[in-house]
Amino acid sequence: MQVFKIWQGYRDIGINYGLPVFYVDFGVGMNLSPEDIAKRAWTIGLRKNRWITFRNNPVGERGCGILTSGLKQLGVRVEAEDDGSHGTPGWYPQVDRWIIWYHEGSKFNFGAMRPRQDMLMYKGDDIVGFLSETEKWDALRGIIVPIREHIWDLIKDYEVRVYEDTTKQWLQG
């Protein structure tokens, strides 16, 4: 499995917003086995009942189902964040929470997402389109915007979580 970084931090989106979590960011970097990833996460403090989040398209990584299964056996809670460019994996039910980034042409089965547990995320200009296209699914929904107050009239009638894009604030300040 190609791993860019294994680290600890705070969750900045999703149901786990604000919680301390451990991250596995997949991407160009080290080639590690599922066992190596688990050992490295354990070394930096991952323990039973703590959260680990897989990011940067874990569905496309061979062995992620094995990694998930092993961590679940250790009592670790798993969250996966994916862009939806691959189909829904067979290990989908093992993950405690999914965050899928919504985009047209996604291969992920949004209908499989579990109510009040999994979340569809969106970052873009067509907020109204996102809300109307996704209301047929039971998943929680979230959007990322530069300034939350500017979209109140668009979202006030929907149950949607709104997260502010802090990267733009840093660039402006």
C-alpha atoms as a PDB file:
ATOM      1  CA  MET A   1       0.000   0.000   0.000  1.00  0.00           C
ATOM      2  CA  GLN A   2       1.323   3.450  -0.903  1.00  0.00           C
ATOM      3  CA  VAL A   3       1.312   5.633   2.212  1.00  0.00           C
ATOM      4  CA  PHE A   4       2.256   9.295   2.177  1.00  0.00           C
ATOM      5  CA  LYS A   5       1.947   9.926   5.919  1.00  0.00           C
ATOM      6  CA  ILE A   6       0.719   8.435   9.212  1.00  0.00           C
ATOM      7  CA  TRP A   7       0.051  11.105  11.822  1.00  0.00           C
ATOM      8  CA  GLN A   8      -2.234  12.379  14.580  1.00  0.00           C
ATOM      9  CA  GLY A   9      -4.385  15.492  14.584  1.00  0.00           C
ATOM     10  CA  TYR A  10      -7.913  16.813  14.961  1.00  0.00           C
ATOM     11  CA  ARG A  11     -10.755  15.964  12.597  1.00  0.00           C
ATOM     12  CA  ASP A  12     -11.793  19.042  10.658  1.00  0.00           C
ATOM     13  CA  ILE A  13     -14.923  17.722   8.901  1.00  0.00           C
ATOM     14  CA  GLY A  14     -17.595  15.087   9.411  1.00  0.00           C
ATOM     15  CA  ILE A  15     -19.295  13.666  12.460  1.00  0.00           C
ATOM     16  CA  ASN A  16     -15.934  13.383  14.215  1.00  0.00           C
ATOM     17  CA  TYR A  17     -15.312  17.137  13.812  1.00  0.00           C
ATOM     18  CA  GLY A  18     -13.012  18.340  16.587  1.00  0.00           C
ATOM     19  CA  LEU A  19     -12.066  14.874  17.868  1.00  0.00           C
ATOM     20  CA  PRO A  20      -8.446  13.777  18.097  1.00  0.00           C
ATOM     21  CA  VAL A  21      -7.830  11.140  15.427  1.00  0.00           C
ATOM     22  CA  PHE A  22      -5.014   9.274  13.780  1.00  0.00           C
ATOM     23  CA  TYR A  23      -4.645   9.616  10.018  1.00  0.00           C
ATOM     24  CA  VAL A  24      -3.352   7.396   7.272  1.00  0.00           C
ATOM     25  CA  ASP A  25      -2.915   9.521   4.169  1.00  0.00           C
ATOM     26  CA  PHE A  26      -2.483   7.296   1.141  1.00  0.00           C
ATOM     27  CA  GLY A  27      -0.424   8.473  -1.812  1.00  0.00           C
ATOM     28  CA  VAL A  28       3.094   8.520  -3.207  1.00  0.00           C
ATOM     29  CA  GLY A  29       5.468   7.650  -0.411  1.00  0.00           C
ATOM     30  CA  MET A  30       6.302   4.475   1.490  1.00  0.00           C
ATOM     31  CA  ASN A  31       5.193   1.059   0.310  1.00  0.00           C
ATOM     32  CA  LEU A  32       3.815  -0.536   3.507  1.00  0.00           C
ATOM     33  CA  SER A  33       1.895  -3.682   4.321  1.00  0.00           C
ATOM     34  CA  PRO A  34      -1.334  -3.449   6.351  1.00  0.00           C
ATOM     35  CA  GLU A  35       0.596  -4.815   9.357  1.00  0.00           C
ATOM     36  CA  ASP A  36       3.293  -2.130   8.982  1.00  0.00           C
ATOM     37  CA  ILE A  37       0.663   0.613   8.863  1.00  0.00           C
ATOM     38  CA  ALA A  38      -1.042  -0.705  11.999  1.00  0.00           C
ATOM     39  CA  LYS A  39       2.290  -0.979  13.848  1.00  0.00           C
ATOM     40  CA  ARG A  40       3.303   2.577  12.924  1.00  0.00           C
ATOM     41  CA  ALA A  41      -0.083   3.962  14.017  1.00  0.00           C
ATOM     42  CA  TRP A  42       0.155   2.011  17.288  1.00  0.00           C
ATOM     43  CA  THR A  43       3.680   3.385  17.849  1.00  0.00           C
ATOM     44  CA  ILE A  44       2.438   6.996  17.709  1.00  0.00           C
ATOM     45  CA  GLY A  45      -0.424   6.313  20.151  1.00  0.00           C
ATOM     46  CA  LEU A  46      -3.365   4.617  18.431  1.00  0.00           C
ATOM     47  CA  ARG A  47      -5.220   2.431  20.940  1.00  0.00           C
ATOM     48  CA  LYS A  48      -8.487   0.581  21.464  1.00  0.00           C
ATOM     49  CA  ASN A  49     -11.627   2.767  21.097  1.00  0.00           C
ATOM     50  CA  ARG A  50      -9.666   5.544  19.337  1.00  0.00           C
ATOM     51  CA  TRP A  51     -10.411   6.727  15.805  1.00  0.00           C
ATOM     52  CA  ILE A  52      -8.257   6.306  12.723  1.00  0.00           C
ATOM     53  CA  THR A  53      -9.143   7.970   9.429  1.00  0.00           C
ATOM     54  CA  PHE A  54      -8.008   6.693   6.037  1.00  0.00           C
ATOM     55  CA  ARG A  55      -7.796   9.483   3.464  1.00  0.00           C
ATOM     56  CA  ASN A  56      -6.836  10.083  -0.169  1.00  0.00           C
ATOM     57  CA  ASN A  57      -8.870   7.323  -1.785  1.00  0.00           C
ATOM     58  CA  PRO A  58      -8.420   4.268   0.426  1.00  0.00           C
ATOM     59  CA  VAL A  59     -10.889   2.332  -1.752  1.00  0.00           C
ATOM     60  CA  GLY A  60      -8.272   2.305  -4.515  1.00  0.00           C
ATOM     61  CA  GLU A  61      -5.589   0.819  -2.243  1.00  0.00           C
ATOM     62  CA  ARG A  62      -5.228  -2.944  -2.314  1.00  0.00           C
ATOM     63  CA  GLY A  63      -5.107  -4.299   1.228  1.00  0.00           C
ATOM     64  CA  CYS A  64      -7.234  -1.610   2.845  1.00  0.00           C
ATOM     65  CA  GLY A  65      -9.917  -4.175   3.685  1.00  0.00           C
ATOM     66  CA  ILE A  66      -7.300  -6.305   5.466  1.00  0.00           C
ATOM     67  CA  LEU A  67      -6.017  -3.222   7.328  1.00  0.00           C
ATOM     68  CA  THR A  68      -9.559  -2.313   8.372  1.00  0.00           C
ATOM     69  CA  SER A  69     -10.297  -5.841   9.559  1.00  0.00           C
ATOM     70  CA  GLY A  70      -7.094  -6.008  11.612  1.00  0.00           C
ATOM     71  CA  LEU A  71      -7.683  -2.637  13.258  1.00  0.00           C
ATOM     72  CA  LYS A  72     -11.292  -3.561  14.055  1.00  0.00           C
ATOM     73  CA  GLN A  73     -10.041  -6.741  15.781  1.00  0.00           C
ATOM     74  CA  LEU A  74      -7.837  -4.496  17.950  1.00  0.00           C
ATOM     75  CA  GLY A  75     -10.901  -2.443  18.926  1.00  0.00           C
ATOM     76  CA  VAL A  76      -9.982   0.602  16.832  1.00  0.00           C
ATOM     77  CA  ARG A  77     -12.773   2.679  15.271  1.00  0.00           C
ATOM     78  CA  VAL A  78     -12.298   3.306  11.549  1.00  0.00           C
ATOM     79  CA  GLU A  79     -13.412   6.206   9.375  1.00  0.00           C
ATOM     80  CA  ALA A  80     -12.700   6.277   5.626  1.00  0.00           C
ATOM     81  CA  GLU A  81     -12.720   9.368   3.408  1.00  0.00           C
ATOM     82  CA  ASP A  82     -12.823   8.759  -0.341  1.00  0.00           C
ATOM     83  CA  ASP A  83     -13.528  10.698  -3.530  1.00  0.00           C
ATOM     84  CA  GLY A  84     -15.968   8.076  -4.809  1.00  0.00           C
ATOM     85  CA  SER A  85     -14.059   7.404  -8.023  1.00  0.00           C
ATOM     86  CA  HIS A  86     -14.069   3.657  -7.340  1.00  0.00           C
ATOM     87  CA  GLY A  87     -17.034   1.402  -6.706  1.00  0.00           C
ATOM     88  CA  THR A  88     -18.239   0.600  -3.202  1.00  0.00           C
ATOM     89  CA  PRO A  89     -15.749  -1.917  -1.718  1.00  0.00           C
ATOM     90  CA  GLY A  90     -16.684  -5.275  -0.226  1.00  0.00           C
ATOM     91  CA  TRP A  91     -15.231  -4.127   3.103  1.00  0.00           C
ATOM     92  CA  TYR A  92     -17.646  -1.176   3.235  1.00  0.00           C
ATOM     93  CA  PRO A  93     -19.665  -2.533   6.236  1.00  0.00           C
ATOM     94  CA  GLN A  94     -16.521  -2.949   8.392  1.00  0.00           C
ATOM     95  CA  VAL A  95     -15.880   0.813   8.433  1.00  0.00           C
ATOM     96  CA  ASP A  96     -17.632   2.692  11.248  1.00  0.00           C
ATOM     97  CA  ARG A  97     -18.077   5.899   9.246  1.00  0.00           C
ATOM     98  CA  TRP A  98     -17.632   6.879   5.621  1.00  0.00           C
ATOM     99  CA  ILE A  99     -17.128  10.336   4.175  1.00  0.00           C
ATOM    100  CA  ILE A 100     -17.546  10.368   0.413  1.00  0.00           C
ATOM    101  CA  TRP A 101     -16.872  13.481  -1.651  1.00  0.00           C
ATOM    102  CA  TYR A 102     -19.749  14.036  -4.047  1.00  0.00           C
ATOM    103  CA  HIS A 103     -19.120  14.655  -7.740  1.00  0.00           C
ATOM    104  CA  GLU A 104     -20.874  13.850 -10.986  1.00  0.00           C
ATOM    105  CA  GLY A 105     -19.957  10.489 -12.444  1.00  0.00           C
ATOM    106  CA  SER A 106     -18.985   8.907  -9.144  1.00  0.00           C
ATOM    107  CA  LYS A 107     -18.905   5.115  -9.155  1.00  0.00           C
ATOM    108  CA  PHE A 108     -19.610   4.846  -5.429  1.00  0.00           C
ATOM    109  CA  ASN A 109     -23.097   3.575  -4.514  1.00  0.00           C
ATOM    110  CA  PHE A 110     -24.457   6.522  -2.519  1.00  0.00           C
ATOM    111  CA  GLY A 111     -27.630   4.523  -1.829  1.00  0.00           C
ATOM    112  CA  ALA A 112     -25.591   2.151   0.354  1.00  0.00           C
ATOM    113  CA  MET A 113     -24.641   4.942   2.737  1.00  0.00           C
ATOM    114  CA  ARG A 114     -26.066   4.502   6.218  1.00  0.00           C
ATOM    115  CA  PRO A 115     -28.351   7.141   7.756  1.00  0.00           C
ATOM    116  CA  ARG A 116     -26.861   9.306  10.512  1.00  0.00           C
ATOM    117  CA  GLN A 117     -23.586   7.429  10.165  1.00  0.00           C
ATOM    118  CA  ASP A 118     -22.069   8.134   6.748  1.00  0.00           C
ATOM    119  CA  MET A 119     -21.667  11.520   5.102  1.00  0.00           C
ATOM    120  CA  LEU A 120     -21.625  12.989   1.608  1.00  0.00           C
ATOM    121  CA  MET A 121     -19.354  16.028   1.355  1.00  0.00           C
ATOM    122  CA  TYR A 122     -19.299  18.747  -1.272  1.00  0.00           C
ATOM    123  CA  LYS A 123     -17.001  21.637  -2.068  1.00  0.00           C
ATOM    124  CA  GLY A 124     -17.963  23.684  -5.088  1.00  0.00           C
ATOM    125  CA  ASP A 125     -20.172  26.398  -6.494  1.00  0.00           C
ATOM    126  CA  ASP A 126     -23.405  24.457  -7.160  1.00  0.00           C
ATOM    127  CA  ILE A 127     -24.658  24.053  -3.586  1.00  0.00           C
ATOM    128  CA  VAL A 128     -28.316  24.073  -4.669  1.00  0.00           C
ATOM    129  CA  GLY A 129     -27.593  21.325  -7.210  1.00  0.00           C
ATOM    130  CA  PHE A 130     -25.754  19.244  -4.627  1.00  0.00           C
ATOM    131  CA  LEU A 131     -28.622  19.554  -2.132  1.00  0.00           C
ATOM    132  CA  SER A 132     -31.310  18.633  -4.661  1.00  0.00           C
ATOM    133  CA  GLU A 133     -29.322  15.746  -6.190  1.00  0.00           C
ATOM    134  CA  THR A 134     -28.507  14.160  -2.837  1.00  0.00           C
ATOM    135  CA  GLU A 135     -31.732  14.497  -0.867  1.00  0.00           C
ATOM    136  CA  LYS A 136     -32.859  11.073  -2.130  1.00  0.00           C
ATOM    137  CA  TRP A 137     -30.127   9.356  -0.087  1.00  0.00           C
ATOM    138  CA  ASP A 138     -30.224   8.872   3.688  1.00  0.00           C
ATOM    139  CA  ALA A 139     -26.622   9.901   4.305  1.00  0.00           C
ATOM    140  CA  LEU A 140     -25.753  13.012   6.240  1.00  0.00           C
ATOM    141  CA  ARG A 141     -24.602  15.870   4.037  1.00  0.00           C
ATOM    142  CA  GLY A 142     -21.926  18.471   4.500  1.00  0.00           C
ATOM    143  CA  ILE A 143     -20.531  21.335   2.484  1.00  0.00           C
ATOM    144  CA  ILE A 144     -17.361  23.384   2.678  1.00  0.00           C
ATOM    145  CA  VAL A 145     -17.601  27.078   1.869  1.00  0.00           C
ATOM    146  CA  PRO A 146     -15.361  30.136   2.263  1.00  0.00           C
ATOM    147  CA  ILE A 147     -17.812  32.027   4.532  1.00  0.00           C
ATOM    148  CA  ARG A 148     -20.714  30.186   6.191  1.00  0.00           C
ATOM    149  CA  GLU A 149     -22.900  33.225   6.668  1.00  0.00           C
ATOM    150  CA  HIS A 150     -23.077  33.871   2.906  1.00  0.00           C
ATOM    151  CA  ILE A 151     -25.035  30.680   2.184  1.00  0.00           C
ATOM    152  CA  TRP A 152     -27.649  30.788   4.950  1.00  0.00           C
ATOM    153  CA  ASP A 153     -30.544  31.363   2.545  1.00  0.00           C
ATOM    154  CA  LEU A 154     -29.460  28.379   0.413  1.00  0.00           C
ATOM    155  CA  ILE A 155     -29.253  25.847   3.251  1.00  0.00           C
ATOM    156  CA  LYS A 156     -31.680  27.041   5.938  1.00  0.00           C
ATOM    157  CA  ASP A 157     -34.390  24.539   4.898  1.00  0.00           C
ATOM    158  CA  TYR A 158     -32.036  21.525   4.741  1.00  0.00           C
ATOM    159  CA  GLU A 159     -30.320  19.362   7.288  1.00  0.00           C
ATOM    160  CA  VAL A 160     -26.765  19.938   6.161  1.00  0.00           C
ATOM    161  CA  ARG A 161     -23.565  20.551   8.071  1.00  0.00           C
ATOM    162  CA  VAL A 162     -21.587  23.579   6.932  1.00  0.00           C
ATOM    163  CA  TYR A 163     -17.824  23.774   7.424  1.00  0.00           C
ATOM    164  CA  GLU A 164     -15.769  26.848   6.750  1.00  0.00           C
ATOM    165  CA  ASP A 165     -12.778  26.488   4.451  1.00  0.00           C
ATOM    166  CA  THR A 166     -10.013  27.620   6.780  1.00  0.00           C
ATOM    167  CA  THR A 167      -7.317  27.402   4.088  1.00  0.00           C
ATOM    168  CA  LYS A 168      -8.723  30.467   2.320  1.00  0.00           C
ATOM    169  CA  GLN A 169      -8.815  32.427   5.579  1.00  0.00           C
ATOM    170  CA  TRP A 170      -5.116  31.773   6.103  1.00  0.00           C
ATOM    171  CA  LEU A 171      -4.311  32.849   2.574  1.00  0.00           C
ATOM    172  CA  GLN A 172      -6.223  36.117   3.000  1.00  0.00           C
ATOM    173  CA  GLY A 173      -4.779  36.945   6.413  1.00  0.00           C
END
